[in-house]
């Protein structure tokens, strides 16, 4: 039962970076959020179902979360934000 809850938690936690990034970070990009979500979900699925190897015995969801965060932030910093995206994001951040 606990393994089922931890497995579900691994996927739910992947939503945290794009949600908080959209609310509090002006530089967050849609492409970075999608790429981070896909990366995190894929790594979580691989570590949960594909292998028994867990670096430092850390929960697969947390390892996937860290990868998600790195991809989200990295891609958002690499991509140049569009003018209409900046205006839309400013409405949320400044509210």
N, C-alpha and C. Protein backbone atom coordinates (compact mmCIF):
# COMPACT_ATOMS: atom_id res chain seq x y z
N UNK A 1 0.82 -1.19 0.00
CA UNK A 1 0.00 0.00 0.00
C UNK A 1 0.87 1.26 0.00
N UNK A 2 1.90 1.25 0.81
CA UNK A 2 2.77 2.42 0.88
C UNK A 2 3.50 2.63 -0.45
N UNK A 3 3.92 1.55 -1.10
CA UNK A 3 4.60 1.67 -2.39
C UNK A 3 3.69 2.31 -3.43
N UNK A 4 2.40 2.02 -3.38
CA UNK A 4 1.44 2.61 -4.30
C UNK A 4 1.33 4.11 -4.06
N UNK A 5 1.28 4.52 -2.81
CA UNK A 5 1.22 5.95 -2.48
C UNK A 5 2.49 6.68 -2.88
N UNK A 6 3.64 6.06 -2.64
CA UNK A 6 4.91 6.69 -3.03
C UNK A 6 5.04 6.78 -4.54
N UNK A 7 4.54 5.77 -5.25
CA UNK A 7 4.57 5.82 -6.72
C UNK A 7 3.71 6.94 -7.26
N UNK A 8 2.52 7.12 -6.68
CA UNK A 8 1.64 8.21 -7.11
C UNK A 8 2.24 9.57 -6.76
N UNK A 9 2.86 9.66 -5.61
CA UNK A 9 3.51 10.90 -5.19
C UNK A 9 4.61 11.31 -6.16
N UNK A 10 5.31 10.34 -6.71
CA UNK A 10 6.38 10.62 -7.66
C UNK A 10 5.89 11.36 -8.89
N UNK A 11 4.68 11.05 -9.33
CA UNK A 11 4.12 11.75 -10.50
C UNK A 11 3.49 13.08 -10.12
N UNK A 12 2.85 13.14 -8.96
CA UNK A 12 2.18 14.38 -8.55
C UNK A 12 3.20 15.49 -8.29
N UNK A 13 4.33 15.15 -7.70
CA UNK A 13 5.34 16.16 -7.38
C UNK A 13 5.93 16.80 -8.63
N UNK A 14 5.77 16.16 -9.78
CA UNK A 14 6.30 16.71 -11.03
C UNK A 14 5.56 17.99 -11.43
N UNK A 15 4.39 18.23 -10.87
CA UNK A 15 3.63 19.43 -11.19
C UNK A 15 4.12 20.67 -10.44
N UNK A 16 4.90 20.49 -9.40
CA UNK A 16 5.34 21.61 -8.58
C UNK A 16 6.19 22.63 -9.33
N UNK A 17 7.26 22.26 -10.07
CA UNK A 17 8.06 23.28 -10.73
C UNK A 17 7.28 24.17 -11.72
N UNK A 18 6.46 23.60 -12.61
CA UNK A 18 5.75 24.51 -13.52
C UNK A 18 4.70 25.37 -12.82
N UNK A 19 4.05 24.84 -11.79
CA UNK A 19 3.04 25.63 -11.09
C UNK A 19 3.69 26.80 -10.35
N UNK A 20 4.71 26.51 -9.55
CA UNK A 20 5.37 27.60 -8.83
C UNK A 20 6.15 28.51 -9.77
N UNK A 21 6.71 27.94 -10.81
CA UNK A 21 7.41 28.77 -11.79
C UNK A 21 6.48 29.72 -12.49
N UNK A 22 5.28 29.27 -12.85
CA UNK A 22 4.31 30.13 -13.52
C UNK A 22 3.81 31.24 -12.60
N UNK A 23 3.72 30.96 -11.33
CA UNK A 23 3.20 31.95 -10.40
C UNK A 23 4.24 32.96 -9.92
N UNK A 24 5.49 32.53 -9.77
CA UNK A 24 6.47 33.38 -9.10
C UNK A 24 7.71 33.73 -9.92
N UNK A 25 7.87 33.18 -11.10
CA UNK A 25 9.10 33.41 -11.86
C UNK A 25 8.75 33.95 -13.23
N UNK A 26 9.14 35.16 -13.50
CA UNK A 26 8.82 35.81 -14.78
C UNK A 26 9.46 35.12 -15.97
N UNK A 27 10.53 34.48 -15.77
CA UNK A 27 11.30 33.90 -16.87
C UNK A 27 10.81 32.50 -17.26
N UNK A 28 9.87 31.93 -16.50
CA UNK A 28 9.37 30.58 -16.78
C UNK A 28 8.77 30.51 -18.18
N UNK A 29 9.05 29.44 -18.89
CA UNK A 29 8.52 29.29 -20.25
C UNK A 29 7.67 28.04 -20.37
N UNK A 30 6.74 28.08 -21.30
CA UNK A 30 5.86 26.93 -21.55
C UNK A 30 6.68 25.73 -22.01
N UNK A 31 7.64 25.98 -22.87
CA UNK A 31 8.46 24.89 -23.39
C UNK A 31 9.27 24.22 -22.28
N UNK A 32 9.81 25.05 -21.38
CA UNK A 32 10.56 24.51 -20.25
C UNK A 32 9.69 23.69 -19.33
N UNK A 33 8.45 24.15 -19.10
CA UNK A 33 7.53 23.41 -18.23
C UNK A 33 7.16 22.07 -18.83
N UNK A 34 6.86 22.05 -20.11
CA UNK A 34 6.48 20.79 -20.76
C UNK A 34 7.65 19.82 -20.80
N UNK A 35 8.82 20.32 -21.17
CA UNK A 35 10.00 19.46 -21.22
C UNK A 35 10.35 18.92 -19.84
N UNK A 36 10.23 19.75 -18.81
CA UNK A 36 10.50 19.30 -17.45
C UNK A 36 9.52 18.25 -16.99
N UNK A 37 8.23 18.45 -17.29
CA UNK A 37 7.22 17.45 -16.92
C UNK A 37 7.48 16.11 -17.59
N UNK A 38 7.77 16.14 -18.87
CA UNK A 38 8.03 14.90 -19.60
C UNK A 38 9.29 14.21 -19.09
N UNK A 39 10.32 14.99 -18.81
CA UNK A 39 11.56 14.42 -18.28
C UNK A 39 11.33 13.78 -16.91
N UNK A 40 10.66 14.52 -16.04
CA UNK A 40 10.40 14.00 -14.70
C UNK A 40 9.54 12.75 -14.72
N UNK A 41 8.50 12.74 -15.54
CA UNK A 41 7.62 11.57 -15.61
C UNK A 41 8.37 10.36 -16.18
N UNK A 42 9.20 10.58 -17.18
CA UNK A 42 9.94 9.48 -17.78
C UNK A 42 10.96 8.90 -16.80
N UNK A 43 11.68 9.76 -16.10
CA UNK A 43 12.68 9.28 -15.14
C UNK A 43 12.00 8.56 -13.98
N UNK A 44 10.88 9.11 -13.52
CA UNK A 44 10.15 8.45 -12.44
C UNK A 44 9.66 7.07 -12.87
N UNK A 45 9.11 6.97 -14.06
CA UNK A 45 8.62 5.67 -14.56
C UNK A 45 9.77 4.68 -14.69
N UNK A 46 10.90 5.14 -15.22
CA UNK A 46 12.05 4.25 -15.38
C UNK A 46 12.56 3.75 -14.04
N UNK A 47 12.71 4.66 -13.08
CA UNK A 47 13.24 4.25 -11.78
C UNK A 47 12.22 3.43 -10.98
N UNK A 48 10.93 3.72 -11.21
CA UNK A 48 9.89 3.00 -10.47
C UNK A 48 9.68 1.59 -11.00
N UNK A 49 9.64 1.46 -12.33
CA UNK A 49 9.27 0.18 -12.94
C UNK A 49 10.39 -0.51 -13.71
N UNK A 50 11.36 0.25 -14.19
CA UNK A 50 12.36 -0.31 -15.08
C UNK A 50 13.59 -0.88 -14.41
N UNK A 51 13.94 -0.37 -13.27
CA UNK A 51 15.17 -0.82 -12.62
C UNK A 51 15.02 -0.76 -11.11
N UNK A 52 15.87 -1.48 -10.43
CA UNK A 52 15.88 -1.43 -8.97
C UNK A 52 16.97 -0.51 -8.45
N UNK A 53 17.76 0.04 -9.34
CA UNK A 53 18.85 0.92 -8.93
C UNK A 53 18.30 2.28 -8.52
N UNK A 54 18.60 2.68 -7.31
CA UNK A 54 18.21 4.00 -6.81
C UNK A 54 19.43 4.66 -6.20
N UNK A 55 19.95 5.67 -6.86
CA UNK A 55 21.14 6.33 -6.33
C UNK A 55 20.90 6.88 -4.92
N UNK A 56 21.79 6.57 -4.02
CA UNK A 56 21.75 7.00 -2.63
C UNK A 56 20.47 6.60 -1.92
N UNK A 57 19.73 5.63 -2.46
CA UNK A 57 18.48 5.12 -1.88
C UNK A 57 17.44 6.23 -1.69
N UNK A 58 17.39 7.14 -2.66
CA UNK A 58 16.43 8.25 -2.64
C UNK A 58 15.19 7.82 -3.42
N UNK A 59 14.04 8.30 -3.01
CA UNK A 59 12.78 8.00 -3.67
C UNK A 59 12.87 8.39 -5.15
N UNK A 60 12.41 7.54 -6.06
CA UNK A 60 12.46 7.85 -7.49
C UNK A 60 11.74 9.15 -7.86
N UNK A 61 10.66 9.46 -7.15
CA UNK A 61 9.94 10.70 -7.42
C UNK A 61 10.77 11.94 -7.14
N UNK A 62 11.59 11.88 -6.09
CA UNK A 62 12.44 13.02 -5.76
C UNK A 62 13.58 13.17 -6.75
N UNK A 63 14.15 12.06 -7.19
CA UNK A 63 15.19 12.14 -8.22
C UNK A 63 14.61 12.71 -9.52
N UNK A 64 13.41 12.26 -9.87
CA UNK A 64 12.75 12.78 -11.08
C UNK A 64 12.41 14.25 -10.91
N UNK A 65 12.02 14.65 -9.70
CA UNK A 65 11.73 16.06 -9.42
C UNK A 65 12.96 16.93 -9.65
N UNK A 66 14.10 16.47 -9.19
CA UNK A 66 15.34 17.24 -9.39
C UNK A 66 15.68 17.36 -10.88
N UNK A 67 15.51 16.28 -11.62
CA UNK A 67 15.75 16.34 -13.07
C UNK A 67 14.74 17.27 -13.74
N UNK A 68 13.49 17.21 -13.33
CA UNK A 68 12.45 18.09 -13.84
C UNK A 68 12.83 19.55 -13.60
N UNK A 69 13.26 19.85 -12.40
CA UNK A 69 13.62 21.22 -12.04
C UNK A 69 14.81 21.73 -12.86
N UNK A 70 15.81 20.88 -13.06
CA UNK A 70 16.98 21.27 -13.85
C UNK A 70 16.59 21.55 -15.29
N UNK A 71 15.78 20.69 -15.88
CA UNK A 71 15.36 20.88 -17.27
C UNK A 71 14.48 22.11 -17.40
N UNK A 72 13.54 22.29 -16.48
CA UNK A 72 12.64 23.44 -16.51
C UNK A 72 13.40 24.76 -16.41
N UNK A 73 14.25 24.88 -15.43
CA UNK A 73 15.01 26.11 -15.23
C UNK A 73 16.01 26.33 -16.37
N UNK A 74 16.71 25.28 -16.75
CA UNK A 74 17.71 25.39 -17.82
C UNK A 74 17.11 25.81 -19.14
N UNK A 75 16.03 25.17 -19.53
CA UNK A 75 15.39 25.51 -20.81
C UNK A 75 14.74 26.89 -20.76
N UNK A 76 14.19 27.26 -19.61
CA UNK A 76 13.59 28.59 -19.49
C UNK A 76 14.65 29.68 -19.56
N UNK A 77 15.83 29.41 -19.05
CA UNK A 77 16.91 30.41 -19.12
C UNK A 77 17.51 30.48 -20.53
N UNK A 78 17.55 29.36 -21.23
CA UNK A 78 18.13 29.35 -22.58
C UNK A 78 17.23 30.06 -23.58
N UNK A 79 15.92 29.80 -23.49
CA UNK A 79 14.98 30.38 -24.44
C UNK A 79 14.71 31.84 -24.12
N UNK A 80 14.65 32.65 -25.14
CA UNK A 80 14.36 34.06 -24.95
C UNK A 80 12.84 34.24 -24.89
N UNK A 81 12.32 34.91 -23.82
CA UNK A 81 10.87 35.06 -23.72
C UNK A 81 10.32 36.00 -24.79
N UNK A 82 9.14 35.65 -25.29
CA UNK A 82 8.47 36.49 -26.28
C UNK A 82 7.78 37.66 -25.58
N UNK A 83 7.54 38.75 -26.31
CA UNK A 83 6.95 39.96 -25.72
C UNK A 83 5.56 39.69 -25.17
N UNK A 84 4.72 38.95 -25.93
CA UNK A 84 3.36 38.68 -25.44
C UNK A 84 3.38 37.76 -24.23
N UNK A 85 4.38 36.89 -24.17
CA UNK A 85 4.51 36.01 -23.01
C UNK A 85 4.91 36.81 -21.78
N UNK A 86 5.81 37.77 -21.95
CA UNK A 86 6.23 38.60 -20.81
C UNK A 86 5.06 39.38 -20.24
N UNK A 87 4.22 39.94 -21.12
CA UNK A 87 3.07 40.71 -20.65
C UNK A 87 2.07 39.82 -19.92
N UNK A 88 1.85 38.63 -20.43
CA UNK A 88 0.90 37.70 -19.81
C UNK A 88 1.41 37.25 -18.43
N UNK A 89 2.69 36.95 -18.34
CA UNK A 89 3.27 36.49 -17.08
C UNK A 89 3.30 37.62 -16.06
N UNK A 90 3.56 38.85 -16.51
CA UNK A 90 3.60 39.97 -15.60
C UNK A 90 2.28 40.18 -14.89
N UNK A 91 1.18 39.89 -15.56
CA UNK A 91 -0.13 40.02 -14.94
C UNK A 91 -0.31 39.09 -13.76
N UNK A 92 0.28 37.90 -13.82
CA UNK A 92 0.18 36.95 -12.72
C UNK A 92 1.17 37.26 -11.60
N UNK A 93 2.39 37.60 -11.98
CA UNK A 93 3.45 37.80 -10.98
C UNK A 93 3.19 39.06 -10.16
N UNK A 94 2.72 40.10 -10.79
CA UNK A 94 2.53 41.38 -10.10
C UNK A 94 1.22 41.46 -9.35
N UNK A 95 0.33 40.50 -9.52
CA UNK A 95 -0.98 40.55 -8.85
C UNK A 95 -0.86 40.31 -7.37
